[in-house]
Amino acid sequence: MIVQAAVWSLADQSARHAAKEALQAARVYGATAESGRSEAAEVLAETNPAGIDDIRITVERGPVTTTVTITGTANRVVPVPGLTVPIEVQVQAPTEDVPPVS
């Protein structure tokens, strides 16, 4: 069970890191929700390529708030039937609405 907890912890940390990077990519002036989603996918591929199954990345970029949600399940290393270890991370920040000053 200790190994399973370690796998979950690494997967959760990777998802949190990916969500924060995606949020920064999506919330800046002129960005799109797709730019955030692709950033999250890229970060997850680099930091935890096989640690999360059934990954779902949702980015909602509204006029006031941008929200990134990453869900999935940590890989199962303990052979317990029916055991699932969920991963769910959500981060949110204001959407930038003015261009940066040059």
C-alpha atoms as a PDB file:
ATOM      1  CA  MET A   1       0.000   0.000   0.000  1.00  0.00           C
ATOM      2  CA  ILE A   2       2.959   2.326   0.602  1.00  0.00           C
ATOM      3  CA  VAL A   3       3.994   1.941  -3.042  1.00  0.00           C
ATOM      4  CA  GLN A   4       0.428   2.684  -4.170  1.00  0.00           C
ATOM      5  CA  ALA A   5       0.380   5.808  -2.000  1.00  0.00           C
ATOM      6  CA  ALA A   6       3.680   6.934  -3.541  1.00  0.00           C
ATOM      7  CA  VAL A   7       2.334   6.391  -7.075  1.00  0.00           C
ATOM      8  CA  TRP A   8      -0.788   8.392  -6.205  1.00  0.00           C
ATOM      9  CA  SER A   9       1.287  11.189  -4.662  1.00  0.00           C
ATOM     10  CA  LEU A  10       3.511  11.517  -7.729  1.00  0.00           C
ATOM     11  CA  ALA A  11       0.497  11.452 -10.048  1.00  0.00           C
ATOM     12  CA  ASP A  12      -1.291  14.084  -7.960  1.00  0.00           C
ATOM     13  CA  GLN A  13       1.779  16.352  -7.924  1.00  0.00           C
ATOM     14  CA  SER A  14       2.156  16.012 -11.689  1.00  0.00           C
ATOM     15  CA  ALA A  15      -1.519  16.873 -12.212  1.00  0.00           C
ATOM     16  CA  ARG A  16      -1.216  19.933  -9.948  1.00  0.00           C
ATOM     17  CA  HIS A  17       1.881  21.138 -11.770  1.00  0.00           C
ATOM     18  CA  ALA A  18       0.234  20.607 -15.167  1.00  0.00           C
ATOM     19  CA  ALA A  19      -2.924  22.428 -14.066  1.00  0.00           C
ATOM     20  CA  LYS A  20      -0.964  25.457 -12.839  1.00  0.00           C
ATOM     21  CA  GLU A  21       1.051  25.640 -16.073  1.00  0.00           C
ATOM     22  CA  ALA A  22      -2.120  25.272 -18.141  1.00  0.00           C
ATOM     23  CA  LEU A  23      -3.822  28.015 -16.151  1.00  0.00           C
ATOM     24  CA  GLN A  24      -0.977  30.424 -16.852  1.00  0.00           C
ATOM     25  CA  ALA A  25      -1.036  29.542 -20.559  1.00  0.00           C
ATOM     26  CA  ALA A  26      -4.818  29.964 -20.867  1.00  0.00           C
ATOM     27  CA  ARG A  27      -5.489  33.040 -18.745  1.00  0.00           C
ATOM     28  CA  VAL A  28      -3.121  35.521 -20.417  1.00  0.00           C
ATOM     29  CA  TYR A  29      -4.429  38.164 -22.799  1.00  0.00           C
ATOM     30  CA  GLY A  30      -5.101  36.723 -26.251  1.00  0.00           C
ATOM     31  CA  ALA A  31      -4.754  33.075 -25.176  1.00  0.00           C
ATOM     32  CA  THR A  32      -7.284  30.319 -25.775  1.00  0.00           C
ATOM     33  CA  ALA A  33      -8.624  27.416 -23.775  1.00  0.00           C
ATOM     34  CA  GLU A  34      -6.897  25.125 -26.281  1.00  0.00           C
ATOM     35  CA  SER A  35      -3.496  26.635 -25.500  1.00  0.00           C
ATOM     36  CA  GLY A  36      -4.049  25.759 -21.854  1.00  0.00           C
ATOM     37  CA  ARG A  37      -5.199  22.236 -22.663  1.00  0.00           C
ATOM     38  CA  SER A  38      -2.198  21.543 -24.851  1.00  0.00           C
ATOM     39  CA  GLU A  39       0.157  22.938 -22.193  1.00  0.00           C
ATOM     40  CA  ALA A  40      -1.345  20.593 -19.596  1.00  0.00           C
ATOM     41  CA  ALA A  41      -1.002  17.598 -21.916  1.00  0.00           C
ATOM     42  CA  GLU A  42       2.621  18.475 -22.646  1.00  0.00           C
ATOM     43  CA  VAL A  43       3.534  18.903 -18.975  1.00  0.00           C
ATOM     44  CA  LEU A  44       1.844  15.618 -18.038  1.00  0.00           C
ATOM     45  CA  ALA A  45       3.676  13.804 -20.828  1.00  0.00           C
ATOM     46  CA  GLU A  46       6.989  15.144 -19.501  1.00  0.00           C
ATOM     47  CA  THR A  47       6.462  14.759 -15.755  1.00  0.00           C
ATOM     48  CA  ASN A  48       4.333  11.650 -15.410  1.00  0.00           C
ATOM     49  CA  PRO A  49       4.027   9.823 -18.740  1.00  0.00           C
ATOM     50  CA  ALA A  50       2.464   6.652 -17.334  1.00  0.00           C
ATOM     51  CA  GLY A  51       1.295   7.667 -13.875  1.00  0.00           C
ATOM     52  CA  ILE A  52      -2.286   8.729 -14.618  1.00  0.00           C
ATOM     53  CA  ASP A  53      -4.906   6.738 -16.508  1.00  0.00           C
ATOM     54  CA  ASP A  54      -8.091   8.101 -18.081  1.00  0.00           C
ATOM     55  CA  ILE A  55      -6.794  11.679 -18.069  1.00  0.00           C
ATOM     56  CA  ARG A  56      -9.372  14.366 -18.743  1.00  0.00           C
ATOM     57  CA  ILE A  57      -8.235  17.974 -19.131  1.00  0.00           C
ATOM     58  CA  THR A  58     -10.858  20.701 -19.152  1.00  0.00           C
ATOM     59  CA  VAL A  59     -10.030  24.380 -19.628  1.00  0.00           C
ATOM     60  CA  GLU A  60     -12.741  27.016 -19.400  1.00  0.00           C
ATOM     61  CA  ARG A  61     -11.621  30.518 -20.343  1.00  0.00           C
ATOM     62  CA  GLY A  62     -14.295  33.037 -19.527  1.00  0.00           C
ATOM     63  CA  PRO A  63     -14.245  36.835 -19.598  1.00  0.00           C
ATOM     64  CA  VAL A  64     -13.691  36.991 -15.822  1.00  0.00           C
ATOM     65  CA  THR A  65     -12.252  33.646 -14.720  1.00  0.00           C
ATOM     66  CA  THR A  66     -10.179  30.864 -16.238  1.00  0.00           C
ATOM     67  CA  THR A  67     -10.500  27.384 -14.740  1.00  0.00           C
ATOM     68  CA  VAL A  68      -8.437  24.265 -15.392  1.00  0.00           C
ATOM     69  CA  THR A  69      -9.581  20.834 -14.192  1.00  0.00           C
ATOM     70  CA  ILE A  70      -7.546  17.656 -14.535  1.00  0.00           C
ATOM     71  CA  THR A  71      -9.044  14.316 -13.538  1.00  0.00           C
ATOM     72  CA  GLY A  72      -8.019  10.707 -13.897  1.00  0.00           C
ATOM     73  CA  THR A  73      -6.914   7.750 -11.832  1.00  0.00           C
ATOM     74  CA  ALA A  74      -3.468   6.903 -10.518  1.00  0.00           C
ATOM     75  CA  ASN A  75      -1.973   3.759 -11.977  1.00  0.00           C
ATOM     76  CA  ARG A  76      -2.819   0.746  -9.860  1.00  0.00           C
ATOM     77  CA  VAL A  77       0.203  -1.144  -8.570  1.00  0.00           C
ATOM     78  CA  VAL A  78      -1.543  -3.029  -5.778  1.00  0.00           C
ATOM     79  CA  PRO A  79      -3.598  -5.926  -7.205  1.00  0.00           C
ATOM     80  CA  VAL A  80      -6.794  -5.230  -5.295  1.00  0.00           C
ATOM     81  CA  PRO A  81      -9.914  -5.783  -7.421  1.00  0.00           C
ATOM     82  CA  GLY A  82     -11.987  -2.647  -7.746  1.00  0.00           C
ATOM     83  CA  LEU A  83      -9.318  -0.375  -6.279  1.00  0.00           C
ATOM     84  CA  THR A  84      -9.270   3.024  -7.971  1.00  0.00           C
ATOM     85  CA  VAL A  85      -7.238   5.950  -6.785  1.00  0.00           C
ATOM     86  CA  PRO A  86      -8.809   9.127  -8.162  1.00  0.00           C
ATOM     87  CA  ILE A  87      -6.902  12.238  -9.137  1.00  0.00           C
ATOM     88  CA  GLU A  88      -8.804  15.517  -9.323  1.00  0.00           C
ATOM     89  CA  VAL A  89      -7.211  18.938  -9.451  1.00  0.00           C
ATOM     90  CA  GLN A  90      -8.872  22.262 -10.159  1.00  0.00           C
ATOM     91  CA  VAL A  91      -7.198  25.667 -10.294  1.00  0.00           C
ATOM     92  CA  GLN A  92      -8.725  29.032 -11.085  1.00  0.00           C
ATOM     93  CA  ALA A  93      -7.515  32.602 -11.656  1.00  0.00           C
ATOM     94  CA  PRO A  94      -8.736  35.850 -13.167  1.00  0.00           C
ATOM     95  CA  THR A  95      -8.630  36.059 -16.960  1.00  0.00           C
ATOM     96  CA  GLU A  96      -6.401  38.873 -18.187  1.00  0.00           C
ATOM     97  CA  ASP A  97      -8.429  41.355 -20.186  1.00  0.00           C
ATOM     98  CA  VAL A  98      -5.883  44.002 -21.131  1.00  0.00           C
ATOM     99  CA  PRO A  99      -2.836  43.645 -23.314  1.00  0.00           C
ATOM    100  CA  PRO A 100       0.551  43.770 -21.618  1.00  0.00           C
ATOM    101  CA  VAL A 101       2.350  47.109 -21.696  1.00  0.00           C
ATOM    102  CA  SER A 102       5.208  47.215 -24.201  1.00  0.00           C
END
